[in-house]
All heavy atoms as atom14 arrays in JSON, in Angstrom:
{
  "sequence": "KRTPSRNKVRTREAAHAAWEQACRSRWRALHLAIKAKLEAVEVGIT",
  "atom14_mask": [
    [1, 1, 1, 1, 1, 1, 1, 1, 1, 0, 0, 0, 0, 0],
    [1, 1, 1, 1, 1, 1, 1, 1, 1, 1, 1, 0, 0, 0],
    [1, 1, 1, 1, 1, 1, 1, 0, 0, 0, 0, 0, 0, 0],
    [1, 1, 1, 1, 1, 1, 1, 0, 0, 0, 0, 0, 0, 0],
    [1, 1, 1, 1, 1, 1, 0, 0, 0, 0, 0, 0, 0, 0],
    [1, 1, 1, 1, 1, 1, 1, 1, 1, 1, 1, 0, 0, 0],
    [1, 1, 1, 1, 1, 1, 1, 1, 0, 0, 0, 0, 0, 0],
    [1, 1, 1, 1, 1, 1, 1, 1, 1, 0, 0, 0, 0, 0],
    [1, 1, 1, 1, 1, 1, 1, 0, 0, 0, 0, 0, 0, 0],
    [1, 1, 1, 1, 1, 1, 1, 1, 1, 1, 1, 0, 0, 0],
    [1, 1, 1, 1, 1, 1, 1, 0, 0, 0, 0, 0, 0, 0],
    [1, 1, 1, 1, 1, 1, 1, 1, 1, 1, 1, 0, 0, 0],
    [1, 1, 1, 1, 1, 1, 1, 1, 1, 0, 0, 0, 0, 0],
    [1, 1, 1, 1, 1, 0, 0, 0, 0, 0, 0, 0, 0, 0],
    [1, 1, 1, 1, 1, 0, 0, 0, 0, 0, 0, 0, 0, 0],
    [1, 1, 1, 1, 1, 1, 1, 1, 1, 1, 0, 0, 0, 0],
    [1, 1, 1, 1, 1, 0, 0, 0, 0, 0, 0, 0, 0, 0],
    [1, 1, 1, 1, 1, 0, 0, 0, 0, 0, 0, 0, 0, 0],
    [1, 1, 1, 1, 1, 1, 1, 1, 1, 1, 1, 1, 1, 1],
    [1, 1, 1, 1, 1, 1, 1, 1, 1, 0, 0, 0, 0, 0],
    [1, 1, 1, 1, 1, 1, 1, 1, 1, 0, 0, 0, 0, 0],
    [1, 1, 1, 1, 1, 0, 0, 0, 0, 0, 0, 0, 0, 0],
    [1, 1, 1, 1, 1, 1, 0, 0, 0, 0, 0, 0, 0, 0],
    [1, 1, 1, 1, 1, 1, 1, 1, 1, 1, 1, 0, 0, 0],
    [1, 1, 1, 1, 1, 1, 0, 0, 0, 0, 0, 0, 0, 0],
    [1, 1, 1, 1, 1, 1, 1, 1, 1, 1, 1, 0, 0, 0],
    [1, 1, 1, 1, 1, 1, 1, 1, 1, 1, 1, 1, 1, 1],
    [1, 1, 1, 1, 1, 1, 1, 1, 1, 1, 1, 0, 0, 0],
    [1, 1, 1, 1, 1, 0, 0, 0, 0, 0, 0, 0, 0, 0],
    [1, 1, 1, 1, 1, 1, 1, 1, 0, 0, 0, 0, 0, 0],
    [1, 1, 1, 1, 1, 1, 1, 1, 1, 1, 0, 0, 0, 0],
    [1, 1, 1, 1, 1, 1, 1, 1, 0, 0, 0, 0, 0, 0],
    [1, 1, 1, 1, 1, 0, 0, 0, 0, 0, 0, 0, 0, 0],
    [1, 1, 1, 1, 1, 1, 1, 1, 0, 0, 0, 0, 0, 0],
    [1, 1, 1, 1, 1, 1, 1, 1, 1, 0, 0, 0, 0, 0],
    [1, 1, 1, 1, 1, 0, 0, 0, 0, 0, 0, 0, 0, 0],
    [1, 1, 1, 1, 1, 1, 1, 1, 1, 0, 0, 0, 0, 0],
    [1, 1, 1, 1, 1, 1, 1, 1, 0, 0, 0, 0, 0, 0],
    [1, 1, 1, 1, 1, 1, 1, 1, 1, 0, 0, 0, 0, 0],
    [1, 1, 1, 1, 1, 0, 0, 0, 0, 0, 0, 0, 0, 0],
    [1, 1, 1, 1, 1, 1, 1, 0, 0, 0, 0, 0, 0, 0],
    [1, 1, 1, 1, 1, 1, 1, 1, 1, 0, 0, 0, 0, 0],
    [1, 1, 1, 1, 1, 1, 1, 0, 0, 0, 0, 0, 0, 0],
    [1, 1, 1, 1, 0, 0, 0, 0, 0, 0, 0, 0, 0, 0],
    [1, 1, 1, 1, 1, 1, 1, 1, 0, 0, 0, 0, 0, 0],
    [1, 1, 1, 1, 1, 1, 1, 0, 0, 0, 0, 0, 0, 0]
  ],
  "atom14_positions": [
    [[110.74, 109.64, 107.01], [111.98, 109.51, 107.86], [112.25, 110.79, 108.66], [112.92, 110.76, 109.68], [113.19, 109.25, 107.0], [113.17, 107.87, 106.28], [114.32, 107.62, 105.48], [114.32, 106.21, 104.8], [115.51, 106.05, 103.98], [0.0, 0.0, 0.0], [0.0, 0.0, 0.0], [0.0, 0.0, 0.0], [0.0, 0.0, 0.0], [0.0, 0.0, 0.0]],
    [[111.73, 111.93, 108.16], [112.04, 113.2, 108.83], [110.74, 113.9, 109.24], [109.68, 113.66, 108.62], [112.8, 114.12, 107.94], [114.21, 113.65, 107.57], [114.96, 114.64, 106.79], [116.3, 115.08, 107.09], [117.06, 114.94, 108.15], [116.5, 114.45, 109.26], [118.29, 115.42, 108.21], [0.0, 0.0, 0.0], [0.0, 0.0, 0.0], [0.0, 0.0, 0.0]],
    [[110.79, 114.76, 110.25], [109.57, 115.56, 110.66], [109.23, 116.49, 109.52], [110.08, 116.77, 108.62], [109.9, 116.33, 111.95], [111.0, 117.17, 111.66], [110.23, 115.4, 113.08], [0.0, 0.0, 0.0], [0.0, 0.0, 0.0], [0.0, 0.0, 0.0], [0.0, 0.0, 0.0], [0.0, 0.0, 0.0], [0.0, 0.0, 0.0], [0.0, 0.0, 0.0]],
    [[107.97, 117.0, 109.53], [107.59, 117.91, 108.42], [108.49, 119.14, 108.25], [108.68, 119.6, 107.2], [106.16, 118.32, 108.88], [105.66, 117.17, 109.69], [106.88, 116.62, 110.42], [0.0, 0.0, 0.0], [0.0, 0.0, 0.0], [0.0, 0.0, 0.0], [0.0, 0.0, 0.0], [0.0, 0.0, 0.0], [0.0, 0.0, 0.0], [0.0, 0.0, 0.0]],
    [[109.1, 119.59, 109.37], [109.99, 120.76, 109.24], [111.33, 120.29, 108.68], [112.17, 121.2, 108.38], [110.16, 121.41, 110.63], [110.79, 120.45, 111.51], [0.0, 0.0, 0.0], [0.0, 0.0, 0.0], [0.0, 0.0, 0.0], [0.0, 0.0, 0.0], [0.0, 0.0, 0.0], [0.0, 0.0, 0.0], [0.0, 0.0, 0.0], [0.0, 0.0, 0.0]],
    [[111.52, 118.98, 108.64], [112.77, 118.41, 108.13], [113.93, 118.61, 108.99], [115.06, 118.3, 108.67], [113.1, 118.85, 106.71], [111.9, 118.72, 105.82], [112.05, 118.58, 104.42], [112.34, 117.77, 103.41], [112.05, 116.45, 103.27], [111.52, 115.8, 104.2], [112.36, 115.9, 102.2], [0.0, 0.0, 0.0], [0.0, 0.0, 0.0], [0.0, 0.0, 0.0]],
    [[113.69, 119.14, 110.23], [114.8, 119.33, 111.16], [115.26, 118.12, 111.92], [116.42, 118.0, 112.28], [114.33, 120.39, 112.26], [113.94, 121.7, 111.72], [113.86, 121.89, 110.5], [113.7, 122.67, 112.6], [0.0, 0.0, 0.0], [0.0, 0.0, 0.0], [0.0, 0.0, 0.0], [0.0, 0.0, 0.0], [0.0, 0.0, 0.0], [0.0, 0.0, 0.0]],
    [[114.35, 117.19, 112.1], [114.65, 116.06, 112.94], [114.37, 114.75, 112.21], [113.44, 114.6, 111.4], [113.86, 116.07, 114.26], [114.1, 117.27, 115.11], [113.24, 117.24, 116.38], [113.43, 118.47, 117.22], [112.47, 118.56, 118.28], [0.0, 0.0, 0.0], [0.0, 0.0, 0.0], [0.0, 0.0, 0.0], [0.0, 0.0, 0.0], [0.0, 0.0, 0.0]],
    [[115.23, 113.71, 112.58], [114.94, 112.47, 112.04], [113.99, 111.74, 112.97], [114.11, 111.82, 114.19], [116.26, 111.62, 111.96], [116.04, 110.18, 111.54], [117.32, 112.25, 111.05], [0.0, 0.0, 0.0], [0.0, 0.0, 0.0], [0.0, 0.0, 0.0], [0.0, 0.0, 0.0], [0.0, 0.0, 0.0], [0.0, 0.0, 0.0], [0.0, 0.0, 0.0]],
    [[112.98, 111.06, 112.4], [111.99, 110.36, 113.15], [112.55, 109.01, 113.62], [113.44, 108.44, 112.96], [110.75, 110.08, 112.31], [109.89, 111.28, 112.13], [108.63, 110.9, 111.3], [107.69, 111.96, 111.32], [106.99, 112.34, 110.33], [107.15, 111.74, 109.1], [106.07, 113.31, 110.35], [0.0, 0.0, 0.0], [0.0, 0.0, 0.0], [0.0, 0.0, 0.0]],
    [[112.09, 108.55, 114.71], [112.36, 107.16, 115.12], [111.76, 106.23, 114.16], [110.82, 106.6, 113.3], [111.83, 106.83, 116.54], [110.34, 106.9, 116.45], [112.3, 107.77, 117.57], [0.0, 0.0, 0.0], [0.0, 0.0, 0.0], [0.0, 0.0, 0.0], [0.0, 0.0, 0.0], [0.0, 0.0, 0.0], [0.0, 0.0, 0.0], [0.0, 0.0, 0.0]],
    [[112.18, 105.01, 114.12], [111.62, 103.96, 113.25], [110.11, 103.85, 113.48], [109.28, 103.77, 112.5], [112.27, 102.61, 113.42], [111.74, 101.55, 112.46], [112.5, 100.29, 112.62], [113.83, 100.53, 112.09], [114.88, 99.71, 112.22], [114.74, 98.54, 112.85], [116.03, 99.98, 111.68], [0.0, 0.0, 0.0], [0.0, 0.0, 0.0], [0.0, 0.0, 0.0]],
    [[109.67, 103.88, 114.64], [108.24, 103.78, 115.04], [107.46, 105.0, 114.53], [106.35, 104.84, 113.99], [108.06, 103.6, 116.52], [108.61, 102.28, 117.11], [110.14, 102.28, 117.27], [110.76, 103.37, 117.33], [110.73, 101.2, 117.3], [0.0, 0.0, 0.0], [0.0, 0.0, 0.0], [0.0, 0.0, 0.0], [0.0, 0.0, 0.0], [0.0, 0.0, 0.0]],
    [[108.06, 106.17, 114.73], [107.31, 107.38, 114.29], [107.28, 107.46, 112.71], [106.29, 107.88, 112.17], [108.06, 108.6, 114.81], [0.0, 0.0, 0.0], [0.0, 0.0, 0.0], [0.0, 0.0, 0.0], [0.0, 0.0, 0.0], [0.0, 0.0, 0.0], [0.0, 0.0, 0.0], [0.0, 0.0, 0.0], [0.0, 0.0, 0.0], [0.0, 0.0, 0.0]],
    [[108.34, 106.96, 112.11], [108.32, 106.91, 110.62], [107.25, 106.04, 110.1], [106.49, 106.3, 109.12], [109.71, 106.54, 110.08], [0.0, 0.0, 0.0], [0.0, 0.0, 0.0], [0.0, 0.0, 0.0], [0.0, 0.0, 0.0], [0.0, 0.0, 0.0], [0.0, 0.0, 0.0], [0.0, 0.0, 0.0], [0.0, 0.0, 0.0], [0.0, 0.0, 0.0]],
    [[107.15, 104.87, 110.75], [106.07, 103.92, 110.44], [104.74, 104.4, 110.62], [103.8, 104.25, 109.79], [106.33, 102.58, 111.17], [105.39, 101.49, 110.71], [105.51, 100.82, 109.5], [104.26, 100.99, 111.34], [104.52, 99.94, 109.39], [103.76, 100.05, 110.52], [0.0, 0.0, 0.0], [0.0, 0.0, 0.0], [0.0, 0.0, 0.0], [0.0, 0.0, 0.0]],
    [[104.51, 105.12, 111.74], [103.23, 105.75, 112.02], [102.89, 106.79, 111.0], [101.69, 106.85, 110.55], [103.24, 106.3, 113.42], [0.0, 0.0, 0.0], [0.0, 0.0, 0.0], [0.0, 0.0, 0.0], [0.0, 0.0, 0.0], [0.0, 0.0, 0.0], [0.0, 0.0, 0.0], [0.0, 0.0, 0.0], [0.0, 0.0, 0.0], [0.0, 0.0, 0.0]],
    [[103.87, 107.57, 110.55], [103.6, 108.62, 109.53], [103.28, 108.0, 108.2], [102.31, 108.42, 107.5], [104.8, 109.53, 109.39], [0.0, 0.0, 0.0], [0.0, 0.0, 0.0], [0.0, 0.0, 0.0], [0.0, 0.0, 0.0], [0.0, 0.0, 0.0], [0.0, 0.0, 0.0], [0.0, 0.0, 0.0], [0.0, 0.0, 0.0], [0.0, 0.0, 0.0]],
    [[103.89, 106.89, 107.9], [103.6, 106.14, 106.64], [102.23, 105.6, 106.67], [101.45, 105.66, 105.68], [104.69, 105.03, 106.37], [104.31, 104.17, 105.3], [104.41, 104.35, 103.94], [103.75, 102.85, 105.42], [103.92, 103.35, 103.23], [103.57, 102.37, 104.12], [103.38, 102.07, 106.51], [103.04, 101.08, 103.89], [102.85, 100.77, 106.26], [102.66, 100.38, 104.98]],
    [[101.84, 104.99, 107.84], [100.54, 104.41, 107.98], [99.41, 105.52, 107.87], [98.38, 105.27, 107.23], [100.35, 103.73, 109.31], [100.97, 102.34, 109.37], [100.76, 101.62, 110.66], [100.59, 102.3, 111.75], [100.72, 100.39, 110.71], [0.0, 0.0, 0.0], [0.0, 0.0, 0.0], [0.0, 0.0, 0.0], [0.0, 0.0, 0.0], [0.0, 0.0, 0.0]],
    [[99.67, 106.65, 108.4], [98.79, 107.78, 108.27], [98.52, 108.15, 106.81], [97.5, 108.45, 106.39], [99.27, 108.96, 109.1], [98.26, 110.12, 109.06], [96.95, 109.74, 109.73], [96.91, 109.25, 110.82], [95.87, 110.01, 109.03], [0.0, 0.0, 0.0], [0.0, 0.0, 0.0], [0.0, 0.0, 0.0], [0.0, 0.0, 0.0], [0.0, 0.0, 0.0]],
    [[99.69, 108.26, 106.1], [99.66, 108.52, 104.66], [98.82, 107.49, 103.9], [98.04, 107.83, 102.96], [101.03, 108.68, 104.05], [0.0, 0.0, 0.0], [0.0, 0.0, 0.0], [0.0, 0.0, 0.0], [0.0, 0.0, 0.0], [0.0, 0.0, 0.0], [0.0, 0.0, 0.0], [0.0, 0.0, 0.0], [0.0, 0.0, 0.0], [0.0, 0.0, 0.0]],
    [[98.94, 106.23, 104.26], [98.22, 105.15, 103.61], [96.69, 105.34, 103.91], [95.89, 105.22, 103.02], [98.66, 103.78, 104.08], [100.25, 103.27, 103.41], [0.0, 0.0, 0.0], [0.0, 0.0, 0.0], [0.0, 0.0, 0.0], [0.0, 0.0, 0.0], [0.0, 0.0, 0.0], [0.0, 0.0, 0.0], [0.0, 0.0, 0.0], [0.0, 0.0, 0.0]],
    [[96.41, 105.57, 105.16], [94.98, 105.86, 105.51], [94.39, 106.99, 104.7], [93.28, 106.9, 104.17], [94.85, 106.05, 107.02], [95.03, 104.79, 107.86], [94.59, 105.06, 109.3], [95.24, 106.11, 110.02], [96.44, 106.01, 110.66], [97.01, 104.84, 110.73], [96.99, 107.07, 111.28], [0.0, 0.0, 0.0], [0.0, 0.0, 0.0], [0.0, 0.0, 0.0]],
    [[95.11, 108.12, 104.63], [94.68, 109.26, 103.9], [94.44, 108.95, 102.42], [93.47, 109.3, 101.8], [95.75, 110.37, 104.11], [95.36, 111.44, 103.21], [0.0, 0.0, 0.0], [0.0, 0.0, 0.0], [0.0, 0.0, 0.0], [0.0, 0.0, 0.0], [0.0, 0.0, 0.0], [0.0, 0.0, 0.0], [0.0, 0.0, 0.0], [0.0, 0.0, 0.0]],
    [[95.42, 108.21, 101.85], [95.34, 107.86, 100.41], [94.12, 106.99, 100.15], [93.37, 107.16, 99.19], [96.56, 107.14, 100.01], [96.7, 106.78, 98.6], [97.45, 107.72, 97.69], [98.51, 108.47, 98.16], [99.8, 108.35, 97.81], [100.16, 107.42, 96.96], [100.73, 109.12, 98.3], [0.0, 0.0, 0.0], [0.0, 0.0, 0.0], [0.0, 0.0, 0.0]],
    [[93.83, 106.01, 101.0], [92.65, 105.17, 100.83], [91.42, 105.95, 101.01], [90.4, 105.71, 100.28], [92.7, 103.94, 101.84], [93.5, 102.79, 101.29], [94.83, 102.54, 101.54], [93.06, 101.74, 100.45], [95.18, 101.41, 100.86], [94.1, 100.91, 100.21], [91.8, 101.5, 99.86], [94.0, 99.74, 99.41], [91.71, 100.33, 99.04], [92.8, 99.51, 98.84]],
    [[91.34, 106.9, 101.93], [90.08, 107.68, 102.07], [89.89, 108.56, 100.82], [88.76, 108.73, 100.35], [90.2, 108.58, 103.33], [90.09, 107.89, 104.68], [88.99, 106.85, 104.74], [87.59, 107.36, 104.67], [86.51, 106.63, 104.67], [86.64, 105.29, 104.66], [85.34, 107.2, 104.57], [0.0, 0.0, 0.0], [0.0, 0.0, 0.0], [0.0, 0.0, 0.0]],
    [[91.03, 109.09, 100.25], [90.89, 109.92, 99.06], [90.37, 109.04, 97.9], [89.53, 109.52, 97.09], [92.19, 110.52, 98.63], [0.0, 0.0, 0.0], [0.0, 0.0, 0.0], [0.0, 0.0, 0.0], [0.0, 0.0, 0.0], [0.0, 0.0, 0.0], [0.0, 0.0, 0.0], [0.0, 0.0, 0.0], [0.0, 0.0, 0.0], [0.0, 0.0, 0.0]],
    [[90.79, 107.81, 97.76], [90.31, 106.92, 96.76], [88.79, 106.68, 96.92], [88.06, 106.7, 96.01], [91.06, 105.58, 96.78], [90.56, 104.47, 95.78], [90.71, 104.99, 94.34], [91.33, 103.23, 96.02], [0.0, 0.0, 0.0], [0.0, 0.0, 0.0], [0.0, 0.0, 0.0], [0.0, 0.0, 0.0], [0.0, 0.0, 0.0], [0.0, 0.0, 0.0]],
    [[88.41, 106.41, 98.17], [86.99, 106.18, 98.5], [86.15, 107.44, 98.06], [85.17, 107.32, 97.37], [86.81, 105.91, 99.99], [85.41, 105.73, 100.41], [84.52, 106.72, 100.67], [84.72, 104.6, 100.55], [83.37, 106.29, 101.02], [83.45, 104.98, 100.96], [0.0, 0.0, 0.0], [0.0, 0.0, 0.0], [0.0, 0.0, 0.0], [0.0, 0.0, 0.0]],
    [[86.61, 108.64, 98.37], [86.01, 109.87, 98.0], [85.83, 109.95, 96.51], [84.79, 110.37, 95.97], [86.75, 111.04, 98.59], [86.22, 112.47, 98.24], [84.8, 112.65, 98.85], [87.18, 113.54, 98.67], [0.0, 0.0, 0.0], [0.0, 0.0, 0.0], [0.0, 0.0, 0.0], [0.0, 0.0, 0.0], [0.0, 0.0, 0.0], [0.0, 0.0, 0.0]],
    [[86.98, 109.79, 95.84], [86.97, 109.93, 94.35], [85.96, 108.95, 93.71], [85.22, 109.38, 92.79], [88.34, 109.64, 93.8], [0.0, 0.0, 0.0], [0.0, 0.0, 0.0], [0.0, 0.0, 0.0], [0.0, 0.0, 0.0], [0.0, 0.0, 0.0], [0.0, 0.0, 0.0], [0.0, 0.0, 0.0], [0.0, 0.0, 0.0], [0.0, 0.0, 0.0]],
    [[85.91, 107.7, 94.09], [85.05, 106.74, 93.52], [83.58, 107.15, 93.85], [82.7, 107.07, 93.0], [85.34, 105.31, 93.95], [86.69, 104.91, 93.34], [84.26, 104.37, 93.56], [87.26, 103.57, 93.85], [0.0, 0.0, 0.0], [0.0, 0.0, 0.0], [0.0, 0.0, 0.0], [0.0, 0.0, 0.0], [0.0, 0.0, 0.0], [0.0, 0.0, 0.0]],
    [[83.36, 107.48, 95.12], [82.02, 107.93, 95.51], [81.59, 109.15, 94.71], [80.38, 109.16, 94.21], [82.0, 108.27, 97.01], [80.64, 108.68, 97.52], [80.69, 108.89, 99.04], [79.31, 109.22, 99.54], [79.36, 109.42, 101.04], [0.0, 0.0, 0.0], [0.0, 0.0, 0.0], [0.0, 0.0, 0.0], [0.0, 0.0, 0.0], [0.0, 0.0, 0.0]],
    [[82.4, 110.12, 94.51], [82.04, 111.32, 93.68], [81.73, 110.99, 92.27], [80.68, 111.42, 91.75], [83.15, 112.38, 93.8], [0.0, 0.0, 0.0], [0.0, 0.0, 0.0], [0.0, 0.0, 0.0], [0.0, 0.0, 0.0], [0.0, 0.0, 0.0], [0.0, 0.0, 0.0], [0.0, 0.0, 0.0], [0.0, 0.0, 0.0], [0.0, 0.0, 0.0]],
    [[82.47, 110.07, 91.72], [82.21, 109.63, 90.3], [80.87, 108.93, 90.21], [80.1, 109.23, 89.33], [83.37, 108.8, 89.79], [84.63, 109.43, 89.5], [85.76, 108.42, 89.13], [86.99, 109.07, 88.72], [86.91, 109.81, 87.45], [0.0, 0.0, 0.0], [0.0, 0.0, 0.0], [0.0, 0.0, 0.0], [0.0, 0.0, 0.0], [0.0, 0.0, 0.0]],
    [[80.59, 108.03, 91.09], [79.35, 107.27, 91.09], [78.15, 108.17, 91.3], [77.15, 107.97, 90.7], [79.45, 106.07, 92.09], [80.43, 104.98, 91.79], [80.58, 104.0, 92.94], [79.92, 104.18, 90.47], [0.0, 0.0, 0.0], [0.0, 0.0, 0.0], [0.0, 0.0, 0.0], [0.0, 0.0, 0.0], [0.0, 0.0, 0.0], [0.0, 0.0, 0.0]],
    [[78.32, 109.13, 92.21], [77.2, 110.01, 92.51], [76.96, 110.94, 91.31], [75.83, 111.19, 90.96], [77.45, 110.76, 93.77], [76.21, 111.6, 94.23], [74.97, 110.76, 94.5], [75.02, 109.57, 94.73], [73.89, 111.41, 94.43], [0.0, 0.0, 0.0], [0.0, 0.0, 0.0], [0.0, 0.0, 0.0], [0.0, 0.0, 0.0], [0.0, 0.0, 0.0]],
    [[78.01, 111.42, 90.72], [77.91, 112.29, 89.47], [77.09, 111.58, 88.36], [76.29, 112.17, 87.73], [79.23, 112.8, 89.04], [0.0, 0.0, 0.0], [0.0, 0.0, 0.0], [0.0, 0.0, 0.0], [0.0, 0.0, 0.0], [0.0, 0.0, 0.0], [0.0, 0.0, 0.0], [0.0, 0.0, 0.0], [0.0, 0.0, 0.0], [0.0, 0.0, 0.0]],
    [[77.42, 110.23, 88.2], [76.72, 109.5, 87.23], [75.25, 109.29, 87.69], [74.32, 109.44, 86.85], [77.41, 108.07, 87.07], [76.56, 107.15, 86.17], [78.73, 108.31, 86.41], [0.0, 0.0, 0.0], [0.0, 0.0, 0.0], [0.0, 0.0, 0.0], [0.0, 0.0, 0.0], [0.0, 0.0, 0.0], [0.0, 0.0, 0.0], [0.0, 0.0, 0.0]],
    [[75.06, 108.98, 88.93], [73.72, 108.69, 89.42], [72.74, 109.84, 89.22], [71.62, 109.69, 88.88], [73.8, 108.33, 90.93], [72.43, 107.88, 91.57], [72.06, 106.5, 91.19], [72.87, 105.71, 90.67], [70.92, 106.19, 91.39], [0.0, 0.0, 0.0], [0.0, 0.0, 0.0], [0.0, 0.0, 0.0], [0.0, 0.0, 0.0], [0.0, 0.0, 0.0]],
    [[73.19, 111.07, 89.49], [72.36, 112.26, 89.32], [72.36, 112.87, 87.93], [71.63, 113.9, 87.74], [72.62, 113.3, 90.4], [72.5, 112.71, 91.81], [74.05, 113.93, 90.24], [0.0, 0.0, 0.0], [0.0, 0.0, 0.0], [0.0, 0.0, 0.0], [0.0, 0.0, 0.0], [0.0, 0.0, 0.0], [0.0, 0.0, 0.0], [0.0, 0.0, 0.0]],
    [[73.13, 112.29, 87.01], [73.08, 112.71, 85.62], [74.0, 113.91, 85.3], [73.83, 114.49, 84.23], [0.0, 0.0, 0.0], [0.0, 0.0, 0.0], [0.0, 0.0, 0.0], [0.0, 0.0, 0.0], [0.0, 0.0, 0.0], [0.0, 0.0, 0.0], [0.0, 0.0, 0.0], [0.0, 0.0, 0.0], [0.0, 0.0, 0.0], [0.0, 0.0, 0.0]],
    [[74.96, 114.21, 86.11], [75.96, 115.25, 85.76], [76.77, 114.78, 84.63], [77.19, 115.53, 83.72], [76.8, 115.56, 87.0], [75.95, 116.16, 88.08], [77.97, 116.43, 86.59], [76.67, 116.31, 89.45], [0.0, 0.0, 0.0], [0.0, 0.0, 0.0], [0.0, 0.0, 0.0], [0.0, 0.0, 0.0], [0.0, 0.0, 0.0], [0.0, 0.0, 0.0]],
    [[77.17, 113.5, 84.61], [78.02, 112.94, 83.57], [77.58, 111.51, 83.33], [76.64, 111.01, 84.01], [79.48, 113.01, 84.04], [80.35, 112.59, 82.97], [79.74, 112.21, 85.31], [0.0, 0.0, 0.0], [0.0, 0.0, 0.0], [0.0, 0.0, 0.0], [0.0, 0.0, 0.0], [0.0, 0.0, 0.0], [0.0, 0.0, 0.0], [0.0, 0.0, 0.0]]
  ]
}
């Protein structure tokens, strides 16, 4: 709802865009975590 500096209120569209960005980031992090786990198993680290 607010800009990173917390000074300004975002428009509804800007707030939605920031939320979508956070969702994209979270999904990429999940992809990375699963990939790292599978690769660690594949090469025998764990």
